Amino acid sequence: MATAEQMKQYEEVLKTHTPALNKPVTEIVIFRTKEEITEETRTALERDFVGPSSRGKGVRATAWGYALDDPRTFVIAFDWEKIQYHWDFWQTPEFATVMGAIDKWFVPGRPLVRHYDFNPPGLLKSKFVSISIWDEGEEKDVKEIKSKVNSEQQGWEARQAGFAADMGEMTWCAVVLGYGSEEAARADGIQPKGVTHLVQLKRA
């Protein structure tokens, strides 16, 4: 488990990456749970992971849920006022609780996590979202990556896209399609790109 001291050292390196600083970002994290999720583990994750994470300074909104086609895939997103507030969270008492929950419930190793620069900022407000994440290999106009995640009917109610702001990872991108219902998302015929999951979100 990473310690606050280790993360402080990491923060000093991250501070040198000025393109990420002082702007709203949306952190999207995709975890794999060690075991099938029960109601007991759902409750524990919300208490020991989602709750403490959501109380971090600068967290404007939190959304989370399980992939509808793979319930062992857990997706969580945080809208941060700026990325520095995430780094500040590493030095809070809640950080140890969150890391303990991660070690207990999720498959070891780095999850699929990046901080995305969406315009306008913030994750879509839709109840159901299809999230696609991949490494484009180069930075492009956001319109180009939007066009790479299509649906047969284009029935989404909202759509957003952006590249990661993280050091050494700015060619990673995310496209999010929002729907009012699971039925609408299924009927839309979403064409997957990279890692793609359809998720029903809860919000805090």
N, C-alpha and C. Protein backbone atom coordinates (compact mmCIF):
# COMPACT_ATOMS: atom_id res chain seq x y z
N MET A 1 0.85 -1.19 0.00
CA MET A 1 0.00 0.00 0.00
C MET A 1 0.89 1.24 0.00
N ALA A 2 0.61 2.17 -0.89
CA ALA A 2 1.37 3.41 -0.96
C ALA A 2 1.15 4.22 0.31
N THR A 3 2.22 4.85 0.80
CA THR A 3 2.14 5.68 1.99
C THR A 3 2.04 7.16 1.61
N ALA A 4 1.63 7.97 2.58
CA ALA A 4 1.55 9.40 2.35
C ALA A 4 2.93 9.97 2.00
N GLU A 5 3.96 9.44 2.65
CA GLU A 5 5.32 9.92 2.38
C GLU A 5 5.74 9.63 0.94
N GLN A 6 5.44 8.42 0.47
CA GLN A 6 5.76 8.06 -0.92
C GLN A 6 5.00 8.95 -1.90
N MET A 7 3.75 9.22 -1.61
CA MET A 7 2.95 10.04 -2.51
C MET A 7 3.42 11.49 -2.49
N LYS A 8 3.95 11.96 -1.36
CA LYS A 8 4.48 13.32 -1.31
C LYS A 8 5.68 13.45 -2.24
N GLN A 9 6.53 12.45 -2.25
CA GLN A 9 7.68 12.47 -3.16
C GLN A 9 7.21 12.46 -4.61
N TYR A 10 6.18 11.66 -4.90
CA TYR A 10 5.63 11.60 -6.25
C TYR A 10 5.03 12.94 -6.65
N GLU A 11 4.38 13.61 -5.70
CA GLU A 11 3.77 14.91 -5.97
C GLU A 11 4.81 15.93 -6.43
N GLU A 12 5.99 15.89 -5.84
CA GLU A 12 7.03 16.85 -6.22
C GLU A 12 7.41 16.69 -7.68
N VAL A 13 7.39 15.47 -8.18
CA VAL A 13 7.66 15.23 -9.60
C VAL A 13 6.50 15.75 -10.45
N LEU A 14 5.28 15.46 -10.02
CA LEU A 14 4.10 15.86 -10.79
C LEU A 14 3.97 17.37 -10.92
N LYS A 15 4.44 18.10 -9.94
CA LYS A 15 4.34 19.56 -9.97
C LYS A 15 5.10 20.17 -11.14
N THR A 16 6.08 19.45 -11.66
CA THR A 16 6.86 19.98 -12.78
C THR A 16 6.11 19.90 -14.10
N HIS A 17 4.99 19.17 -14.10
CA HIS A 17 4.19 19.01 -15.33
C HIS A 17 3.14 20.10 -15.37
N THR A 18 3.50 21.25 -15.83
CA THR A 18 2.63 22.43 -15.74
C THR A 18 1.34 22.35 -16.56
N PRO A 19 1.26 21.60 -17.69
CA PRO A 19 -0.02 21.58 -18.42
C PRO A 19 -1.20 21.05 -17.62
N ALA A 20 -0.92 20.29 -16.55
CA ALA A 20 -2.02 19.71 -15.77
C ALA A 20 -2.54 20.64 -14.69
N LEU A 21 -1.83 21.72 -14.41
CA LEU A 21 -2.11 22.50 -13.22
C LEU A 21 -3.25 23.50 -13.39
N ASN A 22 -3.96 23.73 -12.27
CA ASN A 22 -4.88 24.86 -12.13
C ASN A 22 -6.05 24.87 -13.10
N LYS A 23 -6.57 23.69 -13.44
CA LYS A 23 -7.77 23.64 -14.27
C LYS A 23 -8.61 22.44 -13.85
N PRO A 24 -9.92 22.49 -14.06
CA PRO A 24 -10.78 21.37 -13.69
C PRO A 24 -10.43 20.12 -14.50
N VAL A 25 -10.41 18.98 -13.83
CA VAL A 25 -10.18 17.69 -14.50
C VAL A 25 -11.15 16.68 -13.95
N THR A 26 -11.44 15.67 -14.77
CA THR A 26 -12.28 14.56 -14.33
C THR A 26 -11.42 13.31 -14.29
N GLU A 27 -11.27 12.78 -13.10
CA GLU A 27 -10.51 11.54 -12.91
C GLU A 27 -11.47 10.36 -13.13
N ILE A 28 -11.09 9.45 -14.02
CA ILE A 28 -11.87 8.23 -14.24
C ILE A 28 -10.97 7.05 -13.90
N VAL A 29 -11.47 6.17 -13.03
CA VAL A 29 -10.71 5.00 -12.60
C VAL A 29 -11.53 3.75 -12.84
N ILE A 30 -10.91 2.74 -13.44
CA ILE A 30 -11.58 1.46 -13.68
C ILE A 30 -10.82 0.38 -12.93
N PHE A 31 -11.49 -0.20 -11.93
CA PHE A 31 -10.92 -1.26 -11.11
C PHE A 31 -11.53 -2.60 -11.48
N ARG A 32 -10.83 -3.66 -11.12
CA ARG A 32 -11.34 -5.03 -11.22
C ARG A 32 -11.42 -5.59 -9.81
N THR A 33 -12.60 -6.04 -9.37
CA THR A 33 -12.72 -6.58 -8.03
C THR A 33 -12.16 -8.00 -7.97
N LYS A 34 -11.66 -8.35 -6.78
CA LYS A 34 -11.05 -9.67 -6.60
C LYS A 34 -12.09 -10.78 -6.70
N GLU A 35 -13.29 -10.50 -6.24
CA GLU A 35 -14.35 -11.50 -6.19
C GLU A 35 -15.66 -10.91 -6.69
N GLU A 36 -16.64 -11.79 -6.87
CA GLU A 36 -17.97 -11.31 -7.23
C GLU A 36 -18.49 -10.39 -6.12
N ILE A 37 -19.19 -9.35 -6.51
CA ILE A 37 -19.67 -8.35 -5.56
C ILE A 37 -21.00 -8.76 -4.97
N THR A 38 -21.09 -8.69 -3.65
CA THR A 38 -22.33 -8.93 -2.92
C THR A 38 -22.84 -7.60 -2.37
N GLU A 39 -24.05 -7.62 -1.83
CA GLU A 39 -24.58 -6.41 -1.23
C GLU A 39 -23.70 -5.96 -0.06
N GLU A 40 -23.13 -6.92 0.65
CA GLU A 40 -22.25 -6.57 1.77
C GLU A 40 -21.01 -5.83 1.28
N THR A 41 -20.42 -6.32 0.19
CA THR A 41 -19.22 -5.65 -0.31
C THR A 41 -19.55 -4.32 -0.96
N ARG A 42 -20.72 -4.21 -1.59
CA ARG A 42 -21.14 -2.92 -2.14
C ARG A 42 -21.22 -1.88 -1.02
N THR A 43 -21.83 -2.27 0.09
CA THR A 43 -21.97 -1.37 1.22
C THR A 43 -20.61 -0.97 1.78
N ALA A 44 -19.70 -1.96 1.90
CA ALA A 44 -18.37 -1.69 2.43
C ALA A 44 -17.58 -0.76 1.50
N LEU A 45 -17.69 -0.96 0.19
CA LEU A 45 -16.97 -0.10 -0.75
C LEU A 45 -17.48 1.34 -0.68
N GLU A 46 -18.77 1.51 -0.57
CA GLU A 46 -19.30 2.87 -0.48
C GLU A 46 -18.88 3.53 0.84
N ARG A 47 -18.80 2.74 1.89
CA ARG A 47 -18.43 3.30 3.20
C ARG A 47 -16.93 3.61 3.28
N ASP A 48 -16.10 2.66 2.83
CA ASP A 48 -14.66 2.76 3.06
C ASP A 48 -13.87 3.33 1.89
N PHE A 49 -14.49 3.38 0.71
CA PHE A 49 -13.77 3.88 -0.46
C PHE A 49 -14.46 5.11 -1.05
N VAL A 50 -15.70 4.95 -1.48
CA VAL A 50 -16.39 6.06 -2.14
C VAL A 50 -16.57 7.23 -1.18
N GLY A 51 -17.06 6.95 0.02
CA GLY A 51 -17.33 8.02 0.98
C GLY A 51 -16.12 8.86 1.31
N PRO A 52 -15.04 8.25 1.81
CA PRO A 52 -13.85 9.04 2.14
C PRO A 52 -13.25 9.76 0.93
N SER A 53 -13.26 9.12 -0.23
CA SER A 53 -12.72 9.76 -1.44
C SER A 53 -13.52 10.99 -1.81
N SER A 54 -14.83 10.92 -1.66
CA SER A 54 -15.71 12.01 -2.08
C SER A 54 -15.59 13.23 -1.19
N ARG A 55 -15.05 13.04 0.01
CA ARG A 55 -14.95 14.16 0.96
C ARG A 55 -13.66 14.95 0.79
N GLY A 56 -12.85 14.59 -0.20
CA GLY A 56 -11.61 15.32 -0.42
C GLY A 56 -11.87 16.76 -0.82
N LYS A 57 -11.00 17.67 -0.36
CA LYS A 57 -11.11 19.06 -0.75
C LYS A 57 -11.01 19.18 -2.27
N GLY A 58 -11.89 19.96 -2.85
CA GLY A 58 -11.83 20.18 -4.29
C GLY A 58 -12.58 19.16 -5.12
N VAL A 59 -13.24 18.18 -4.48
CA VAL A 59 -14.07 17.23 -5.22
C VAL A 59 -15.43 17.88 -5.45
N ARG A 60 -15.75 18.20 -6.67
CA ARG A 60 -17.01 18.86 -6.99
C ARG A 60 -18.15 17.86 -7.13
N ALA A 61 -17.83 16.64 -7.57
CA ALA A 61 -18.86 15.61 -7.76
C ALA A 61 -18.16 14.25 -7.86
N THR A 62 -18.88 13.21 -7.46
CA THR A 62 -18.40 11.84 -7.56
C THR A 62 -19.49 10.98 -8.18
N ALA A 63 -19.12 10.09 -9.08
CA ALA A 63 -20.07 9.14 -9.67
C ALA A 63 -19.40 7.78 -9.74
N TRP A 64 -20.18 6.72 -9.48
CA TRP A 64 -19.59 5.39 -9.47
C TRP A 64 -20.65 4.34 -9.83
N GLY A 65 -20.17 3.18 -10.23
CA GLY A 65 -21.07 2.09 -10.56
C GLY A 65 -20.31 0.89 -11.08
N TYR A 66 -21.04 -0.16 -11.37
CA TYR A 66 -20.47 -1.41 -11.86
C TYR A 66 -20.87 -1.60 -13.32
N ALA A 67 -19.93 -2.09 -14.12
CA ALA A 67 -20.23 -2.31 -15.54
C ALA A 67 -21.39 -3.28 -15.66
N LEU A 68 -22.37 -2.94 -16.48
CA LEU A 68 -23.57 -3.76 -16.59
C LEU A 68 -23.30 -5.12 -17.22
N ASP A 69 -22.26 -5.21 -18.04
CA ASP A 69 -21.93 -6.49 -18.67
C ASP A 69 -20.82 -7.24 -17.94
N ASP A 70 -20.29 -6.65 -16.88
CA ASP A 70 -19.22 -7.28 -16.11
C ASP A 70 -19.22 -6.68 -14.71
N PRO A 71 -20.06 -7.21 -13.81
CA PRO A 71 -20.23 -6.61 -12.49
C PRO A 71 -18.97 -6.56 -11.64
N ARG A 72 -17.92 -7.28 -12.03
CA ARG A 72 -16.66 -7.18 -11.28
C ARG A 72 -15.81 -6.00 -11.74
N THR A 73 -16.28 -5.26 -12.72
CA THR A 73 -15.61 -4.02 -13.13
C THR A 73 -16.28 -2.85 -12.44
N PHE A 74 -15.51 -2.15 -11.62
CA PHE A 74 -16.00 -1.02 -10.84
C PHE A 74 -15.42 0.26 -11.43
N VAL A 75 -16.29 1.21 -11.75
CA VAL A 75 -15.88 2.47 -12.36
C VAL A 75 -16.24 3.61 -11.41
N ILE A 76 -15.28 4.50 -11.18
CA ILE A 76 -15.55 5.67 -10.34
C ILE A 76 -14.92 6.89 -11.00
N ALA A 77 -15.62 8.02 -10.89
CA ALA A 77 -15.14 9.27 -11.48
C ALA A 77 -15.26 10.39 -10.46
N PHE A 78 -14.25 11.25 -10.43
CA PHE A 78 -14.24 12.42 -9.56
C PHE A 78 -14.04 13.67 -10.41
N ASP A 79 -14.88 14.66 -10.21
CA ASP A 79 -14.66 15.97 -10.80
C ASP A 79 -13.88 16.81 -9.81
N TRP A 80 -12.63 17.10 -10.14
CA TRP A 80 -11.75 17.90 -9.27
C TRP A 80 -11.72 19.35 -9.76
N GLU A 81 -11.74 20.29 -8.81
CA GLU A 81 -11.58 21.70 -9.18
C GLU A 81 -10.23 21.93 -9.85
N LYS A 82 -9.22 21.24 -9.38
CA LYS A 82 -7.92 21.22 -10.02
C LYS A 82 -7.16 20.00 -9.52
N ILE A 83 -6.21 19.53 -10.31
CA ILE A 83 -5.54 18.27 -10.01
C ILE A 83 -4.74 18.35 -8.71
N GLN A 84 -4.30 19.54 -8.35
CA GLN A 84 -3.52 19.68 -7.11
C GLN A 84 -4.31 19.24 -5.88
N TYR A 85 -5.65 19.39 -5.93
CA TYR A 85 -6.45 18.95 -4.79
C TYR A 85 -6.41 17.43 -4.63
N HIS A 86 -6.27 16.73 -5.72
CA HIS A 86 -6.11 15.27 -5.62
C HIS A 86 -4.81 14.95 -4.90
N TRP A 87 -3.77 15.66 -5.25
CA TRP A 87 -2.49 15.42 -4.58
C TRP A 87 -2.58 15.77 -3.10
N ASP A 88 -3.31 16.83 -2.76
CA ASP A 88 -3.49 17.19 -1.36
C ASP A 88 -4.18 16.07 -0.58
N PHE A 89 -5.10 15.37 -1.27
CA PHE A 89 -5.85 14.29 -0.60
C PHE A 89 -4.92 13.19 -0.10
N TRP A 90 -3.81 13.00 -0.78
CA TRP A 90 -2.87 11.95 -0.38
C TRP A 90 -2.29 12.17 1.01
N GLN A 91 -2.37 13.39 1.51
CA GLN A 91 -1.81 13.72 2.83
C GLN A 91 -2.89 13.81 3.91
N THR A 92 -4.10 13.37 3.62
CA THR A 92 -5.18 13.44 4.60
C THR A 92 -5.36 12.09 5.30
N PRO A 93 -6.01 12.08 6.47
CA PRO A 93 -6.27 10.81 7.17
C PRO A 93 -7.12 9.85 6.34
N GLU A 94 -8.00 10.37 5.49
CA GLU A 94 -8.86 9.51 4.68
C GLU A 94 -8.07 8.68 3.65
N PHE A 95 -6.89 9.15 3.28
CA PHE A 95 -6.10 8.46 2.26
C PHE A 95 -5.79 7.02 2.69
N ALA A 96 -5.42 6.82 3.95
CA ALA A 96 -5.10 5.47 4.42
C ALA A 96 -6.33 4.56 4.37
N THR A 97 -7.49 5.11 4.70
CA THR A 97 -8.73 4.32 4.64
C THR A 97 -9.03 3.90 3.20
N VAL A 98 -8.89 4.83 2.28
CA VAL A 98 -9.14 4.55 0.87
C VAL A 98 -8.16 3.50 0.35
N MET A 99 -6.89 3.65 0.65
CA MET A 99 -5.89 2.69 0.18
C MET A 99 -6.13 1.30 0.78
N GLY A 100 -6.58 1.26 2.02
CA GLY A 100 -6.90 -0.02 2.64
C GLY A 100 -8.04 -0.72 1.92
N ALA A 101 -9.05 0.06 1.52
CA ALA A 101 -10.18 -0.52 0.79
C ALA A 101 -9.74 -1.00 -0.58
N ILE A 102 -8.88 -0.24 -1.25
CA ILE A 102 -8.37 -0.64 -2.56
C ILE A 102 -7.61 -1.96 -2.44
N ASP A 103 -6.75 -2.06 -1.45
CA ASP A 103 -5.96 -3.29 -1.27
C ASP A 103 -6.86 -4.48 -0.95
N LYS A 104 -7.93 -4.24 -0.21
CA LYS A 104 -8.80 -5.33 0.22
C LYS A 104 -9.69 -5.84 -0.91
N TRP A 105 -10.25 -4.93 -1.71
CA TRP A 105 -11.32 -5.32 -2.62
C TRP A 105 -10.90 -5.46 -4.08
N PHE A 106 -9.83 -4.79 -4.49
CA PHE A 106 -9.52 -4.75 -5.92
C PHE A 106 -8.27 -5.54 -6.28
N VAL A 107 -8.23 -6.01 -7.52
CA VAL A 107 -7.09 -6.76 -8.03
C VAL A 107 -5.85 -5.87 -7.93
N PRO A 108 -4.72 -6.43 -7.42
CA PRO A 108 -3.51 -5.62 -7.26
C PRO A 108 -3.00 -5.08 -8.59
N GLY A 109 -2.23 -4.00 -8.50
CA GLY A 109 -1.69 -3.37 -9.70
C GLY A 109 -2.41 -2.07 -9.99
N ARG A 110 -1.81 -1.28 -10.84
CA ARG A 110 -2.40 0.02 -11.15
C ARG A 110 -3.68 -0.15 -11.95
N PRO A 111 -4.77 0.46 -11.49
CA PRO A 111 -6.01 0.42 -12.29
C PRO A 111 -5.87 1.31 -13.51
N LEU A 112 -6.86 1.30 -14.38
CA LEU A 112 -6.88 2.20 -15.53
C LEU A 112 -7.36 3.56 -15.03
N VAL A 113 -6.41 4.48 -14.79
CA VAL A 113 -6.75 5.76 -14.17
C VAL A 113 -6.04 6.89 -14.90
N ARG A 114 -6.79 7.94 -15.22
CA ARG A 114 -6.26 9.15 -15.81
C ARG A 114 -7.14 10.33 -15.37
N HIS A 115 -6.61 11.53 -15.51
CA HIS A 115 -7.37 12.77 -15.26
C HIS A 115 -7.62 13.42 -16.62
N TYR A 116 -8.88 13.56 -16.99
CA TYR A 116 -9.22 14.02 -18.34
C TYR A 116 -9.64 15.48 -18.34
N ASP A 117 -9.24 16.15 -19.41
CA ASP A 117 -9.55 17.56 -19.61
C ASP A 117 -10.76 17.66 -20.54
N PHE A 118 -11.96 17.65 -19.93
CA PHE A 118 -13.20 17.75 -20.70
C PHE A 118 -13.59 19.23 -20.84
N ASN A 119 -14.21 19.55 -21.96
CA ASN A 119 -14.68 20.92 -22.20
C ASN A 119 -16.10 20.86 -22.77
N PRO A 120 -17.12 21.27 -21.97
CA PRO A 120 -17.01 21.85 -20.63
C PRO A 120 -16.59 20.80 -19.59
N PRO A 121 -16.02 21.25 -18.48
CA PRO A 121 -15.51 20.29 -17.48
C PRO A 121 -16.63 19.55 -16.76
N GLY A 122 -16.27 18.39 -16.21
CA GLY A 122 -17.22 17.61 -15.43
C GLY A 122 -17.78 16.44 -16.20
N LEU A 123 -17.98 15.32 -15.50
CA LEU A 123 -18.57 14.13 -16.11
C LEU A 123 -20.02 14.39 -16.46
N LEU A 124 -20.52 13.76 -17.52
CA LEU A 124 -21.92 13.91 -17.91
C LEU A 124 -22.85 13.58 -16.75
N LYS A 125 -24.00 14.22 -16.72
CA LYS A 125 -24.97 14.00 -15.66
C LYS A 125 -25.92 12.84 -15.93
N SER A 126 -25.77 12.17 -17.06
CA SER A 126 -26.66 11.08 -17.43
C SER A 126 -26.57 9.93 -16.42
N LYS A 127 -27.68 9.22 -16.27
CA LYS A 127 -27.73 8.10 -15.33
C LYS A 127 -26.94 6.91 -15.85
N PHE A 128 -26.95 6.72 -17.16
CA PHE A 128 -26.21 5.62 -17.78
C PHE A 128 -25.17 6.22 -18.72
N VAL A 129 -23.94 5.73 -18.63
CA VAL A 129 -22.89 6.24 -19.51
C VAL A 129 -22.11 5.07 -20.10
N SER A 130 -21.73 5.25 -21.35
CA SER A 130 -20.78 4.35 -22.00
C SER A 130 -19.45 5.08 -22.03
N ILE A 131 -18.45 4.50 -21.36
CA ILE A 131 -17.13 5.12 -21.26
C ILE A 131 -16.13 4.31 -22.08
N SER A 132 -15.46 4.97 -23.01
CA SER A 132 -14.42 4.33 -23.83
C SER A 132 -13.10 5.04 -23.58
N ILE A 133 -12.06 4.27 -23.30
CA ILE A 133 -10.74 4.82 -22.99
C ILE A 133 -9.69 4.07 -23.80
N TRP A 134 -8.78 4.82 -24.41
CA TRP A 134 -7.69 4.18 -25.15
C TRP A 134 -6.53 5.15 -25.33
N ASP A 135 -5.39 4.62 -25.74
CA ASP A 135 -4.22 5.44 -26.05
C ASP A 135 -4.21 5.70 -27.55
N GLU A 136 -4.42 6.95 -27.92
CA GLU A 136 -4.50 7.33 -29.33
C GLU A 136 -3.11 7.37 -29.97
N GLY A 137 -2.07 7.43 -29.15
CA GLY A 137 -0.71 7.44 -29.68
C GLY A 137 -0.19 8.82 -30.00
N GLU A 138 -1.08 9.80 -30.14
CA GLU A 138 -0.70 11.19 -30.39
C GLU A 138 -1.86 12.08 -30.00
N GLU A 139 -1.55 13.33 -29.70
CA GLU A 139 -2.59 14.29 -29.37
C GLU A 139 -3.25 14.79 -30.65
N LYS A 140 -4.57 14.88 -30.62
CA LYS A 140 -5.34 15.31 -31.78
C LYS A 140 -6.42 16.27 -31.34
N ASP A 141 -7.14 16.80 -32.31
CA ASP A 141 -8.31 17.59 -32.00
C ASP A 141 -9.36 16.66 -31.38
N VAL A 142 -10.04 17.16 -30.36
CA VAL A 142 -11.03 16.34 -29.66
C VAL A 142 -12.12 15.86 -30.60
N LYS A 143 -12.46 16.64 -31.62
CA LYS A 143 -13.48 16.22 -32.57
C LYS A 143 -13.11 14.91 -33.24
N GLU A 144 -11.82 14.69 -33.46
CA GLU A 144 -11.37 13.46 -34.12
C GLU A 144 -11.60 12.24 -33.25
N ILE A 145 -11.37 12.37 -31.95
CA ILE A 145 -11.59 11.19 -31.10
C ILE A 145 -13.08 10.97 -30.84
N LYS A 146 -13.86 12.05 -30.81
CA LYS A 146 -15.31 11.87 -30.67
C LYS A 146 -15.85 10.99 -31.80
N SER A 147 -15.34 11.22 -33.00
CA SER A 147 -15.86 10.50 -34.16
C SER A 147 -15.47 9.03 -34.17
N LYS A 148 -14.51 8.64 -33.32
CA LYS A 148 -14.07 7.25 -33.29
C LYS A 148 -14.94 6.36 -32.41
N VAL A 149 -15.82 6.97 -31.63
CA VAL A 149 -16.76 6.21 -30.81
C VAL A 149 -18.15 6.58 -31.27
N ASN A 150 -18.70 5.75 -32.12
CA ASN A 150 -20.01 6.02 -32.69
C ASN A 150 -21.06 5.04 -32.19
N SER A 151 -22.28 5.33 -32.51
CA SER A 151 -23.38 4.42 -32.24
C SER A 151 -24.26 4.40 -33.49
N GLU A 152 -24.93 3.29 -33.68
CA GLU A 152 -25.71 3.12 -34.90
C GLU A 152 -26.80 4.19 -35.05
N GLN A 153 -27.46 4.51 -33.95
CA GLN A 153 -28.59 5.44 -34.00
C GLN A 153 -28.22 6.85 -33.55
N GLN A 154 -27.02 7.01 -32.97
CA GLN A 154 -26.62 8.28 -32.36
C GLN A 154 -27.73 8.77 -31.42
N GLY A 155 -28.17 7.85 -30.57
CA GLY A 155 -29.28 8.16 -29.68
C GLY A 155 -28.86 8.67 -28.32
N TRP A 156 -27.59 8.95 -28.13
CA TRP A 156 -27.15 9.48 -26.85
C TRP A 156 -27.75 10.86 -26.61
N GLU A 157 -27.97 11.16 -25.32
CA GLU A 157 -28.53 12.46 -24.96
C GLU A 157 -27.44 13.50 -24.72
N ALA A 158 -26.22 13.04 -24.51
CA ALA A 158 -25.08 13.94 -24.32
C ALA A 158 -23.80 13.18 -24.65
N ARG A 159 -22.77 13.92 -25.04
CA ARG A 159 -21.50 13.30 -25.40
C ARG A 159 -20.36 14.23 -25.02
N GLN A 160 -19.24 13.65 -24.58
CA GLN A 160 -18.06 14.44 -24.28
C GLN A 160 -16.81 13.64 -24.60
N ALA A 161 -15.70 14.35 -24.73
CA ALA A 161 -14.43 13.69 -25.03
C ALA A 161 -13.30 14.58 -24.54
N GLY A 162 -12.17 13.96 -24.27
CA GLY A 162 -11.01 14.75 -23.85
C GLY A 162 -9.79 13.88 -23.73
N PHE A 163 -8.63 14.53 -23.72
CA PHE A 163 -7.36 13.85 -23.53
C PHE A 163 -6.93 13.97 -22.07
N ALA A 164 -6.10 13.03 -21.64
CA ALA A 164 -5.58 13.05 -20.28
C ALA A 164 -4.63 14.22 -20.08
N ALA A 165 -4.62 14.75 -18.85
CA ALA A 165 -3.71 15.84 -18.50
C ALA A 165 -2.46 15.33 -17.80
N ASP A 166 -2.37 14.03 -17.55
CA ASP A 166 -1.31 13.46 -16.72
C ASP A 166 0.05 13.44 -17.42
N MET A 167 1.09 13.57 -16.62
CA MET A 167 2.46 13.54 -17.12
C MET A 167 2.74 12.25 -17.88
N GLY A 168 3.24 12.37 -19.10
CA GLY A 168 3.60 11.22 -19.90
C GLY A 168 2.44 10.43 -20.45
N GLU A 169 1.22 10.92 -20.27
CA GLU A 169 0.03 10.15 -20.66
C GLU A 169 -0.99 11.00 -21.42
N MET A 170 -0.53 12.07 -22.04
CA MET A 170 -1.45 13.01 -22.67
C MET A 170 -1.97 12.53 -24.02
N THR A 171 -1.56 11.33 -24.47
CA THR A 171 -2.15 10.75 -25.68
C THR A 171 -3.31 9.82 -25.35
N TRP A 172 -3.54 9.58 -24.04
CA TRP A 172 -4.70 8.79 -23.63
C TRP A 172 -5.94 9.66 -23.72
N CYS A 173 -7.04 9.05 -24.14
CA CYS A 173 -8.27 9.83 -24.32
C CYS A 173 -9.48 9.04 -23.83
N ALA A 174 -10.54 9.78 -23.61
CA ALA A 174 -11.81 9.18 -23.17
C ALA A 174 -12.96 9.82 -23.93
N VAL A 175 -13.91 8.97 -24.31
CA VAL A 175 -15.16 9.45 -24.91
C VAL A 175 -16.30 8.88 -24.07
N VAL A 176 -17.21 9.73 -23.66
CA VAL A 176 -18.33 9.33 -22.81
C VAL A 176 -19.63 9.67 -23.51
N LEU A 177 -20.51 8.66 -23.64
CA LEU A 177 -21.85 8.85 -24.19
C LEU A 177 -22.85 8.70 -23.06
N GLY A 178 -23.81 9.62 -22.97
CA GLY A 178 -24.78 9.58 -21.90
C GLY A 178 -26.17 9.19 -22.39
N TYR A 179 -26.87 8.40 -21.56
CA TYR A 179 -28.21 7.90 -21.89
C TYR A 179 -29.13 8.01 -20.68
N GLY A 180 -30.40 8.11 -20.95
CA GLY A 180 -31.38 8.18 -19.89
C GLY A 180 -31.78 6.83 -19.33
N SER A 181 -31.50 5.76 -20.09
CA SER A 181 -31.87 4.42 -19.64
C SER A 181 -30.93 3.40 -20.24
N GLU A 182 -30.89 2.23 -19.63
CA GLU A 182 -30.09 1.13 -20.18
C GLU A 182 -30.65 0.71 -21.53
N GLU A 183 -31.97 0.71 -21.65
CA GLU A 183 -32.59 0.31 -22.91
C GLU A 183 -32.16 1.22 -24.05
N ALA A 184 -32.10 2.52 -23.78
CA ALA A 184 -31.68 3.47 -24.81
C ALA A 184 -30.24 3.23 -25.22
N ALA A 185 -29.39 2.91 -24.25
CA ALA A 185 -27.98 2.65 -24.57
C ALA A 185 -27.84 1.37 -25.39
N ARG A 186 -28.57 0.33 -25.00
CA ARG A 186 -28.49 -0.95 -25.73
C ARG A 186 -29.00 -0.78 -27.16
N ALA A 187 -30.07 -0.04 -27.30
CA ALA A 187 -30.67 0.13 -28.62
C ALA A 187 -29.80 0.98 -29.54
N ASP A 188 -28.89 1.72 -28.96
CA ASP A 188 -28.09 2.66 -29.75
C ASP A 188 -26.99 1.95 -30.55
N GLY A 189 -26.68 0.71 -30.18
CA GLY A 189 -25.67 -0.03 -30.93
C GLY A 189 -24.29 0.59 -30.82
N ILE A 190 -23.83 0.80 -29.59
CA ILE A 190 -22.53 1.43 -29.34
C ILE A 190 -21.42 0.56 -29.91
N GLN A 191 -20.52 1.18 -30.66
CA GLN A 191 -19.37 0.48 -31.23
C GLN A 191 -18.18 0.69 -30.30
N PRO A 192 -17.72 -0.37 -29.60
CA PRO A 192 -16.66 -0.20 -28.59
C PRO A 192 -15.35 0.28 -29.20
N LYS A 193 -14.59 1.00 -28.41
CA LYS A 193 -13.26 1.45 -28.78
C LYS A 193 -12.39 1.35 -27.53
N GLY A 194 -11.24 0.66 -27.65
CA GLY A 194 -10.38 0.49 -26.49
C GLY A 194 -11.09 -0.26 -25.38
N VAL A 195 -10.97 0.24 -24.16
CA VAL A 195 -11.70 -0.32 -23.02
C VAL A 195 -13.03 0.41 -22.94
N THR A 196 -14.13 -0.30 -23.13
CA THR A 196 -15.45 0.31 -23.15
C THR A 196 -16.36 -0.39 -22.17
N HIS A 197 -17.05 0.39 -21.33
CA HIS A 197 -17.99 -0.17 -20.36
C HIS A 197 -19.25 0.70 -20.31
N LEU A 198 -20.40 0.02 -20.22
CA LEU A 198 -21.67 0.69 -19.98
C LEU A 198 -21.95 0.58 -18.48
N VAL A 199 -22.18 1.74 -17.86
CA VAL A 199 -22.28 1.79 -16.39
C VAL A 199 -23.52 2.57 -15.98
N GLN A 200 -24.23 2.04 -14.98
CA GLN A 200 -25.29 2.81 -14.31
C GLN A 200 -24.66 3.50 -13.11
N LEU A 201 -24.76 4.83 -13.06
CA LEU A 201 -24.02 5.59 -12.05
C LEU A 201 -24.87 5.99 -10.87
N LYS A 202 -24.24 5.94 -9.71
CA LYS A 202 -24.75 6.61 -8.51
C LYS A 202 -23.89 7.84 -8.31
N ARG A 203 -24.42 8.82 -7.60
CA ARG A 203 -23.69 10.08 -7.49
C ARG A 203 -23.69 10.59 -6.05
N ALA A 204 -22.62 11.32 -5.75
CA ALA A 204 -22.51 11.95 -4.43
C ALA A 204 -22.05 13.39 -4.62
